[in-house]
């Protein structure tokens, strides 16, 4: 039973699976600690969030979408190649123009809580891309929270003199020359690609009676919240000498934050027991990028002749299948969906398209990574895998079989990747992310702000 002395918690999450599921895991952990959590996101996700004990207020109209709706909701998105142009389109249409509807739903949730629990403090917990909650804390009308806690479930895109502009996936450089490069590049990309989204963002804030204070829209989630928890370990994110003290590391999600499998593949003992001590290579393209010709099939082809290698494929979505004409080698095993935490402890290598959740699961299981990334934030994730030392960045989302084979050989033969993976796993184990979130909620409810 939730304790009435605790503050109420209102979660707001972008309705993209890879963003929502980490928030769901945190909500589940908070509920286990006695908190009452209300959740705002897409109507299609209501059931799986209510299953962990949350109350739910569904988005309506334009903001009510999931990743499955991208092609039908914004078909023109695919007129732009993966990269800055497509990212700018996404920012404007998927994350900025949704703000009024998201704002309205968040206020609806606030009113529901205010009516049901008059006088109880409510802390707003904002997933980093849910821009519709920000006007609430920047002067917009309506009910206000006791405090606002941002949650980062993607690579940090906060501008910094020490980091290149977000998007292309370039490493940080804090040298004088690097800082000059970073500033020039950041200004260029902001003006060239994000000028229109920025203007639309500012106009929407003004229409809602909120102030932007001259901030860049991608920086706003980090700067506007009272505190911002980046859910990773320090070793997995670029250092920023100019970041505000209100940004804190939360350590990433614990193992087992995803629900366990209910259907076990018939061949699963080959993975768990691995009596022949084969090198298990796990490959998954995530839940959105499901053109298996990009990475999954090339990985099968790259490793098909290796008797001491077992390739385990997860197709990323329940019910998914490979194209009918796909050749599945004798050393491959394919399933529609396997939770990462069940297969990665047995894997020598994790081949991924660079999703941030996949990166975090690789760290939490001490599994070296090969990242083949294109589009969205994936090049940024891939570079963090390279920069941190846990893996290899193929620097393309469409690698050749030779590139995959070479990368697998390098990771299996060179112990430095496994050593670094285990170091990062140990670092992550030092954090208790749910307790960190809970402590920050308590601090904000008590008026202890860092901004």
Protein backbone atom coordinates (compact mmCIF):
# COMPACT_ATOMS: atom_id res chain seq x y z
CA UNK A 1 0.00 0.00 0.00
CA UNK A 2 1.35 3.42 -0.93
CA UNK A 3 2.26 5.73 1.93
CA UNK A 4 0.24 8.98 2.04
CA UNK A 5 3.25 10.81 3.50
CA UNK A 6 5.14 10.34 0.26
CA UNK A 7 4.80 12.84 -2.58
CA UNK A 8 2.72 11.87 -5.56
CA UNK A 9 4.66 11.28 -8.76
CA UNK A 10 3.57 12.21 -12.27
CA UNK A 11 5.58 10.58 -15.06
CA UNK A 12 5.47 11.99 -18.60
CA UNK A 13 7.10 9.94 -21.38
CA UNK A 14 7.56 10.24 -25.11
CA UNK A 15 5.49 7.40 -26.64
CA UNK A 16 8.44 5.62 -28.23
CA UNK A 17 9.09 2.13 -26.88
CA UNK A 18 12.78 2.69 -26.17
CA UNK A 19 11.95 5.82 -24.18
CA UNK A 20 8.85 4.53 -22.43
CA UNK A 21 10.17 1.18 -21.18
CA UNK A 22 12.98 2.63 -19.03
CA UNK A 23 10.44 5.03 -17.52
CA UNK A 24 8.06 2.15 -16.90
CA UNK A 25 10.86 0.27 -15.13
CA UNK A 26 11.56 3.26 -12.88
CA UNK A 27 7.85 3.67 -12.15
CA UNK A 28 7.62 0.00 -11.24
CA UNK A 29 10.56 0.39 -8.86
CA UNK A 30 9.05 3.46 -7.23
CA UNK A 31 5.71 1.71 -6.72
CA UNK A 32 7.57 -1.11 -4.97
CA UNK A 33 8.95 1.56 -2.61
CA UNK A 34 5.45 2.79 -1.77
CA UNK A 35 5.01 5.70 -4.19
CA UNK A 36 1.80 6.41 -6.06
CA UNK A 37 2.65 6.98 -9.71
CA UNK A 38 0.49 8.42 -12.47
CA UNK A 39 1.77 8.05 -16.02
CA UNK A 40 1.15 10.12 -19.16
CA UNK A 41 1.94 8.66 -22.59
CA UNK A 42 0.25 7.13 -25.66
CA UNK A 43 -3.07 5.31 -25.39
CA UNK A 44 -1.54 2.19 -26.97
CA UNK A 45 0.83 1.81 -24.03
CA UNK A 46 -1.80 2.20 -21.32
CA UNK A 47 -2.20 -1.51 -20.60
CA UNK A 48 1.49 -2.37 -20.21
CA UNK A 49 2.05 0.61 -17.91
CA UNK A 50 -1.04 -0.05 -15.79
CA UNK A 51 0.22 -3.61 -15.37
CA UNK A 52 3.02 -2.36 -13.09
CA UNK A 53 0.56 -0.45 -10.88
CA UNK A 54 0.42 3.04 -12.38
CA UNK A 55 -2.63 5.18 -12.89
CA UNK A 56 -2.72 6.36 -16.50
CA UNK A 57 -3.80 9.42 -18.45
CA UNK A 58 -3.55 8.83 -22.20
CA UNK A 59 -2.48 11.40 -24.74
CA UNK A 60 -5.11 12.34 -27.29
CA UNK A 61 -5.07 13.57 -30.88
CA UNK A 62 -1.82 14.56 -32.60
CA UNK A 63 0.57 13.55 -29.76
CA UNK A 64 -1.04 10.10 -29.40
CA UNK A 65 1.27 7.94 -31.49
CA UNK A 66 3.89 5.22 -31.15
CA UNK A 67 6.92 4.29 -33.24
CA UNK A 68 4.61 2.01 -35.25
CA UNK A 69 2.83 5.13 -36.52
CA UNK A 70 5.87 6.97 -37.86
CA UNK A 71 5.50 5.77 -41.45
CA UNK A 72 1.76 6.45 -41.66
CA UNK A 73 1.69 9.57 -39.50
CA UNK A 74 4.65 11.30 -41.11
CA UNK A 75 5.35 9.61 -44.47
CA UNK A 76 7.31 12.65 -45.62
CA UNK A 77 9.87 11.82 -42.93
CA UNK A 78 11.29 9.19 -45.26
CA UNK A 79 11.99 11.78 -47.95
CA UNK A 80 15.01 12.71 -45.84
CA UNK A 81 18.06 10.47 -45.49
CA UNK A 82 19.10 9.37 -42.00
CA UNK A 83 21.18 12.17 -40.53
CA UNK A 84 20.72 15.84 -39.63
CA UNK A 85 17.86 16.48 -42.09
CA UNK A 86 15.75 13.60 -40.83
CA UNK A 87 16.64 14.42 -37.23
CA UNK A 88 15.53 18.03 -37.72
CA UNK A 89 12.24 16.77 -39.20
CA UNK A 90 11.72 14.47 -36.21
CA UNK A 91 12.48 17.22 -33.72
CA UNK A 92 9.98 19.59 -35.30
CA UNK A 93 7.10 17.25 -36.02
CA UNK A 94 7.42 14.46 -33.46
CA UNK A 95 8.83 16.31 -30.44
CA UNK A 96 7.91 20.01 -30.84
CA UNK A 97 4.53 20.23 -32.55
CA UNK A 98 3.16 17.76 -30.00
CA UNK A 99 3.83 20.19 -27.14
CA UNK A 100 0.34 21.77 -26.87
CA UNK A 101 -1.39 18.38 -26.71
CA UNK A 102 1.15 16.99 -24.26
CA UNK A 103 0.82 20.09 -22.09
CA UNK A 104 -2.97 19.75 -22.02
CA UNK A 105 -2.80 16.08 -21.01
CA UNK A 106 -0.24 16.76 -18.28
CA UNK A 107 -2.51 19.46 -16.86
CA UNK A 108 -5.43 17.03 -17.00
CA UNK A 109 -3.36 14.58 -14.95
CA UNK A 110 -2.40 17.31 -12.46
CA UNK A 111 -6.05 18.24 -11.98
CA UNK A 112 -7.01 14.62 -11.46
CA UNK A 113 -4.37 14.30 -8.74
CA UNK A 114 -5.28 17.64 -7.18
CA UNK A 115 -8.95 16.68 -6.97
CA UNK A 116 -8.21 13.23 -5.60
CA UNK A 117 -5.44 14.19 -3.18
CA UNK A 118 -5.89 17.86 -2.20
CA UNK A 119 -2.81 19.30 -0.56
CA UNK A 120 -0.44 16.43 -1.52
CA UNK A 121 2.81 17.47 -3.16
CA UNK A 122 3.24 16.27 -6.75
CA UNK A 123 6.69 15.86 -8.32
CA UNK A 124 6.83 15.91 -12.09
CA UNK A 125 9.19 13.34 -13.63
CA UNK A 126 9.88 14.18 -17.27
CA UNK A 127 11.43 11.80 -19.80
CA UNK A 128 13.97 13.94 -21.64
CA UNK A 129 12.16 14.26 -24.96
CA UNK A 130 8.70 14.96 -23.56
CA UNK A 131 8.83 18.67 -24.31
CA UNK A 132 5.16 19.24 -23.44
CA UNK A 133 5.92 19.24 -19.71
CA UNK A 134 8.47 22.04 -19.93
CA UNK A 135 6.06 25.00 -20.38
CA UNK A 136 4.44 23.98 -17.09
CA UNK A 137 7.66 24.80 -15.25
CA UNK A 138 8.53 27.85 -17.35
CA UNK A 139 5.56 30.09 -16.68
CA UNK A 140 2.66 28.43 -18.47
CA UNK A 141 -0.73 28.62 -16.76
CA UNK A 142 -2.20 25.77 -14.74
CA UNK A 143 -1.28 23.60 -11.77
CA UNK A 144 2.39 23.55 -10.84
CA UNK A 145 4.44 20.65 -9.41
CA UNK A 146 6.47 20.83 -6.22
CA UNK A 147 9.49 20.16 -8.40
CA UNK A 148 10.52 18.80 -11.78
CA UNK A 149 12.97 15.94 -12.30
CA UNK A 150 14.24 15.29 -15.83
CA UNK A 151 15.22 11.75 -16.81
CA UNK A 152 17.71 11.07 -19.62
CA UNK A 153 17.15 7.79 -21.47
CA UNK A 154 19.13 8.78 -24.57
CA UNK A 155 22.67 10.11 -25.05
CA UNK A 156 22.99 13.61 -23.66
CA UNK A 157 22.50 16.27 -26.34
CA UNK A 158 23.29 19.21 -24.05
CA UNK A 159 25.47 21.73 -25.87
CA UNK A 160 28.99 21.97 -24.48
CA UNK A 161 32.25 23.62 -25.38
CA UNK A 162 33.81 20.17 -24.91
CA UNK A 163 31.53 18.24 -27.30
CA UNK A 164 30.83 18.29 -31.00
CA UNK A 165 27.33 19.14 -32.18
CA UNK A 166 24.83 16.38 -31.50
CA UNK A 167 23.89 14.05 -34.34
CA UNK A 168 26.87 13.02 -36.50
CA UNK A 169 28.48 10.95 -33.76
CA UNK A 170 31.84 12.70 -33.35
CA UNK A 171 34.00 12.15 -30.27
CA UNK A 172 34.45 14.89 -27.64
CA UNK A 173 37.49 17.15 -27.77
CA UNK A 174 38.27 19.62 -24.96
CA UNK A 175 41.55 20.87 -26.43
CA UNK A 176 41.60 24.55 -27.51
CA UNK A 177 41.38 23.45 -31.12
CA UNK A 178 38.61 21.03 -30.30
CA UNK A 179 36.61 23.61 -28.42
CA UNK A 180 36.86 25.99 -31.37
CA UNK A 181 35.67 23.20 -33.66
CA UNK A 182 32.84 22.30 -31.30
CA UNK A 183 31.48 25.85 -31.10
CA UNK A 184 31.68 26.46 -34.84
CA UNK A 185 30.04 23.15 -35.64
CA UNK A 186 27.33 23.56 -33.03
CA UNK A 187 26.43 27.03 -34.29
CA UNK A 188 26.38 25.82 -37.89
CA UNK A 189 24.10 22.83 -37.23
CA UNK A 190 21.80 24.90 -35.03
CA UNK A 191 21.40 27.51 -37.76
CA UNK A 192 21.42 25.19 -40.77
CA UNK A 193 19.25 22.33 -39.55
CA UNK A 194 17.49 23.34 -36.34
CA UNK A 195 16.58 26.93 -37.19
CA UNK A 196 13.00 26.10 -38.14
CA UNK A 197 12.31 23.65 -35.27
CA UNK A 198 13.75 26.25 -32.88
CA UNK A 199 11.43 28.96 -34.23
CA UNK A 200 8.37 26.69 -34.00
CA UNK A 201 9.37 25.72 -30.45
CA UNK A 202 9.68 29.35 -29.36
CA UNK A 203 6.32 30.23 -30.93
CA UNK A 204 4.59 27.34 -29.15
CA UNK A 205 6.08 28.29 -25.79
CA UNK A 206 4.93 31.88 -26.28
CA UNK A 207 1.42 30.72 -27.22
CA UNK A 208 1.28 28.78 -23.95
CA UNK A 209 2.46 31.72 -21.89
CA UNK A 210 5.85 30.17 -21.15
CA UNK A 211 9.37 31.58 -21.47
CA UNK A 212 12.30 29.90 -23.21
CA UNK A 213 14.92 32.31 -21.85
CA UNK A 214 16.82 32.12 -25.12
CA UNK A 215 17.67 28.43 -24.63
CA UNK A 216 18.14 26.03 -27.50
CA UNK A 217 15.33 23.52 -27.64
CA UNK A 218 17.60 20.46 -27.35
CA UNK A 219 19.24 21.98 -24.26
CA UNK A 220 15.96 22.88 -22.56
CA UNK A 221 15.23 19.51 -20.85
CA UNK A 222 18.60 19.67 -19.08
CA UNK A 223 18.35 23.35 -18.12
CA UNK A 224 14.67 23.80 -17.25
CA UNK A 225 14.18 20.92 -14.80
CA UNK A 226 15.13 21.46 -11.17
CA UNK A 227 17.32 18.40 -11.46
CA UNK A 228 18.17 16.15 -14.36
CA UNK A 229 19.15 12.50 -13.91
CA UNK A 230 21.10 11.04 -16.81
CA UNK A 231 20.41 7.33 -16.55
CA UNK A 232 23.88 6.00 -17.26
CA UNK A 233 27.25 5.78 -15.56
CA UNK A 234 29.78 8.61 -15.89
CA UNK A 235 32.07 6.38 -17.98
CA UNK A 236 29.36 6.08 -20.65
CA UNK A 237 28.84 9.82 -21.23
CA UNK A 238 31.12 12.61 -22.41
CA UNK A 239 32.43 14.94 -19.71
CA UNK A 240 31.20 18.54 -19.96
CA UNK A 241 33.14 21.13 -17.99
CA UNK A 242 30.32 23.64 -18.48
CA UNK A 243 27.37 21.43 -17.44
CA UNK A 244 25.22 22.75 -14.57
CA UNK A 245 25.48 21.07 -11.17
CA UNK A 246 21.81 20.08 -11.41
CA UNK A 247 22.76 17.27 -13.83
CA UNK A 248 23.42 14.02 -11.95
CA UNK A 249 24.19 10.46 -13.08
CA UNK A 250 21.63 7.81 -12.19
CA UNK A 251 23.65 4.76 -13.19
CA UNK A 252 21.36 3.19 -15.78
CA UNK A 253 18.65 0.62 -15.25
CA UNK A 254 19.28 -2.52 -13.22
CA UNK A 255 19.34 -5.98 -14.74
CA UNK A 256 15.95 -7.57 -15.00
CA UNK A 257 14.12 -4.27 -15.54
CA UNK A 258 12.45 -5.84 -18.56
CA UNK A 259 9.81 -8.51 -18.06
CA UNK A 260 11.15 -12.03 -18.42
CA UNK A 261 10.28 -14.23 -21.38
CA UNK A 262 7.16 -16.28 -21.13
CA UNK A 263 7.97 -18.39 -24.20
CA UNK A 264 11.37 -20.05 -24.23
CA UNK A 265 12.81 -21.13 -27.61
CA UNK A 266 13.27 -24.87 -28.06
CA UNK A 267 17.01 -24.33 -28.57
CA UNK A 268 17.54 -22.15 -25.47
CA UNK A 269 19.65 -24.75 -23.63
CA UNK A 270 22.29 -24.40 -26.35
CA UNK A 271 22.73 -20.83 -25.13
CA UNK A 272 22.47 -21.39 -21.41
CA UNK A 273 24.53 -24.56 -21.18
CA UNK A 274 26.83 -23.98 -24.19
CA UNK A 275 28.47 -27.35 -23.64
CA UNK A 276 30.78 -26.91 -26.64
CA UNK A 277 32.00 -23.52 -25.35
CA UNK A 278 31.10 -21.71 -28.54
CA UNK A 279 31.47 -17.97 -29.01
CA UNK A 280 27.90 -16.70 -28.80
CA UNK A 281 27.27 -13.64 -30.95
CA UNK A 282 23.94 -11.97 -30.21
CA UNK A 283 22.46 -9.65 -32.85
CA UNK A 284 19.39 -7.43 -32.54
CA UNK A 285 18.34 -4.30 -34.44
CA UNK A 286 15.98 -3.09 -31.72
CA UNK A 287 12.25 -2.48 -32.05
CA UNK A 288 12.02 0.23 -34.74
CA UNK A 289 14.64 -0.36 -37.46
CA UNK A 290 13.35 -3.70 -38.68
CA UNK A 291 14.82 -3.91 -42.17
CA UNK A 292 16.84 -7.03 -41.46
CA UNK A 293 18.97 -6.52 -44.57
CA UNK A 294 20.71 -3.67 -42.74
CA UNK A 295 22.45 -5.67 -40.01
CA UNK A 296 20.82 -8.96 -39.02
CA UNK A 297 21.16 -10.79 -42.33
CA UNK A 298 24.71 -9.49 -43.01
CA UNK A 299 25.71 -10.79 -39.57
CA UNK A 300 24.27 -14.22 -40.34
CA UNK A 301 26.19 -14.24 -43.63
CA UNK A 302 29.41 -12.97 -42.06
CA UNK A 303 29.58 -15.79 -39.50
CA UNK A 304 27.85 -18.69 -41.24
CA UNK A 305 30.93 -20.85 -41.77
CA UNK A 306 32.16 -20.73 -38.19
CA UNK A 307 31.63 -23.98 -36.37
CA UNK A 308 32.76 -22.53 -33.04
CA UNK A 309 30.33 -19.62 -33.27
CA UNK A 310 26.64 -19.64 -32.36
CA UNK A 311 24.73 -16.66 -33.75
CA UNK A 312 21.62 -15.82 -31.76
CA UNK A 313 19.16 -13.48 -33.48
CA UNK A 314 16.34 -11.55 -31.81
CA UNK A 315 14.04 -9.87 -34.32
CA UNK A 316 13.00 -7.20 -31.83
CA UNK A 317 9.25 -7.62 -31.96
CA UNK A 318 6.91 -10.42 -30.99
CA UNK A 319 5.58 -12.17 -34.05
CA UNK A 320 8.33 -10.86 -36.33
CA UNK A 321 9.87 -13.20 -38.91
CA UNK A 322 12.73 -12.99 -41.36
CA UNK A 323 11.90 -12.69 -45.08
CA UNK A 324 10.88 -16.06 -46.55
CA UNK A 325 13.94 -16.34 -48.77
CA UNK A 326 16.42 -15.74 -45.92
CA UNK A 327 19.05 -18.44 -45.57
CA UNK A 328 19.47 -19.33 -41.90
CA UNK A 329 22.86 -21.01 -41.42
CA UNK A 330 23.29 -24.13 -39.32
CA UNK A 331 25.08 -22.15 -36.62
CA UNK A 332 22.25 -19.61 -36.19
CA UNK A 333 19.21 -19.59 -33.91
CA UNK A 334 16.39 -17.10 -34.46
CA UNK A 335 13.63 -15.88 -32.14
CA UNK A 336 11.17 -13.04 -32.52
CA UNK A 337 11.91 -11.51 -29.12
CA UNK A 338 14.43 -12.20 -26.35
CA UNK A 339 14.94 -9.85 -23.38
CA UNK A 340 18.53 -8.61 -23.47
CA UNK A 341 19.25 -9.53 -19.87
CA UNK A 342 18.50 -13.18 -20.58
CA UNK A 343 20.87 -13.62 -23.51
CA UNK A 344 23.68 -11.11 -22.95
CA UNK A 345 25.20 -12.84 -19.88
CA UNK A 346 25.95 -15.78 -22.18
CA UNK A 347 27.21 -13.71 -25.13
CA UNK A 348 30.77 -12.93 -26.17
CA UNK A 349 29.65 -10.13 -28.50
CA UNK A 350 26.53 -8.00 -28.87
CA UNK A 351 25.89 -6.72 -32.40
CA UNK A 352 23.45 -3.80 -32.29
CA UNK A 353 22.25 -0.91 -34.42
CA UNK A 354 23.07 1.52 -31.64
CA UNK A 355 19.92 1.90 -29.58
CA UNK A 356 20.63 3.53 -26.24
CA UNK A 357 18.79 0.83 -24.32
CA UNK A 358 20.88 -1.84 -26.03
CA UNK A 359 24.05 0.06 -25.12
CA UNK A 360 22.96 0.20 -21.47
CA UNK A 361 22.13 -3.50 -21.40
CA UNK A 362 25.53 -4.29 -22.88
CA UNK A 363 27.14 -2.37 -20.02
CA UNK A 364 24.99 -3.91 -17.30
CA UNK A 365 25.89 -7.39 -18.50
CA UNK A 366 29.57 -6.74 -19.19
CA UNK A 367 29.17 -7.64 -22.86
CA UNK A 368 31.35 -6.00 -25.55
CA UNK A 369 29.43 -4.23 -28.31
CA UNK A 370 29.64 -3.87 -32.07
CA UNK A 371 27.50 -0.91 -33.16
CA UNK A 372 26.32 -0.33 -36.72
CA UNK A 373 24.39 2.91 -36.51
CA UNK A 374 22.51 5.30 -38.78
CA UNK A 375 19.72 7.76 -38.05
CA UNK A 376 18.10 9.21 -34.92
CA UNK A 377 20.54 9.24 -31.98
CA UNK A 378 22.24 5.98 -32.96
CA UNK A 379 25.55 7.40 -34.30
CA UNK A 380 25.90 9.16 -30.93
CA UNK A 381 25.40 5.87 -29.09
CA UNK A 382 27.88 4.06 -31.35
CA UNK A 383 30.55 6.69 -30.73
CA UNK A 384 30.03 6.42 -26.98
CA UNK A 385 30.59 2.65 -27.28
CA UNK A 386 33.87 3.35 -29.08
CA UNK A 387 34.94 6.26 -26.85
CA UNK A 388 34.23 4.37 -23.61
CA UNK A 389 36.20 1.34 -24.80
CA UNK A 390 33.41 -1.20 -24.52
CA UNK A 391 33.14 -1.85 -28.24
CA UNK A 392 33.66 -1.12 -31.91
CA UNK A 393 31.85 1.52 -33.91
CA UNK A 394 31.42 0.42 -37.52
CA UNK A 395 30.48 4.02 -38.44
CA UNK A 396 27.71 2.94 -40.75
CA UNK A 397 24.24 1.50 -40.38
CA UNK A 398 24.77 -0.78 -43.36
CA UNK A 399 28.01 -2.71 -42.75
CA UNK A 400 29.52 -5.25 -45.09
CA UNK A 401 29.87 -8.86 -44.03
CA UNK A 402 33.64 -8.35 -44.04
CA UNK A 403 33.40 -5.41 -41.62
CA UNK A 404 31.21 -7.42 -39.26
CA UNK A 405 33.49 -10.45 -39.42
CA UNK A 406 36.58 -8.34 -38.74
CA UNK A 407 34.94 -6.61 -35.78
CA UNK A 408 33.78 -9.91 -34.25
CA UNK A 409 37.30 -11.33 -34.63
CA UNK A 410 38.81 -8.25 -32.99
CA UNK A 411 36.54 -8.39 -29.96
CA UNK A 412 36.89 -12.13 -29.43
CA UNK A 413 40.69 -12.13 -29.86
CA UNK A 414 41.50 -8.91 -28.00
CA UNK A 415 40.80 -9.14 -24.25
CA UNK A 416 40.75 -5.34 -23.79
CA UNK A 417 37.08 -5.15 -24.79
CA UNK A 418 35.92 -7.73 -22.27
CA UNK A 419 38.09 -6.20 -19.56
CA UNK A 420 36.60 -2.77 -20.20
CA UNK A 421 33.08 -4.19 -20.37
CA UNK A 422 33.51 -5.82 -16.96
CA UNK A 423 34.90 -2.57 -15.51
CA UNK A 424 31.86 -0.66 -16.73
CA UNK A 425 29.55 -3.39 -15.46
CA UNK A 426 31.13 -3.05 -12.01
CA UNK A 427 30.72 0.74 -12.15
CA UNK A 428 27.04 0.38 -12.99
CA UNK A 429 26.57 -2.09 -10.13
CA UNK A 430 27.62 0.66 -7.69
CA UNK A 431 24.42 2.60 -8.50
CA UNK A 432 20.91 1.94 -7.21
CA UNK A 433 18.93 3.87 -9.85
CA UNK A 434 15.47 3.54 -8.33
CA UNK A 435 16.73 4.73 -4.95
CA UNK A 436 18.51 7.65 -6.64
CA UNK A 437 15.29 8.66 -8.38
CA UNK A 438 13.34 8.30 -5.14
CA UNK A 439 15.81 10.44 -3.18
CA UNK A 440 15.65 13.19 -5.80
CA UNK A 441 11.84 13.10 -5.72
CA UNK A 442 11.93 13.50 -1.94
CA UNK A 443 14.40 16.37 -2.19
CA UNK A 444 12.25 18.22 -4.71
CA UNK A 445 9.06 17.64 -2.73
CA UNK A 446 10.82 19.17 0.27
CA UNK A 447 11.93 22.20 -1.73
CA UNK A 448 15.59 21.22 -1.97
CA UNK A 449 16.37 22.32 -5.54
CA UNK A 450 19.76 22.52 -7.21
CA UNK A 451 18.89 25.06 -9.92
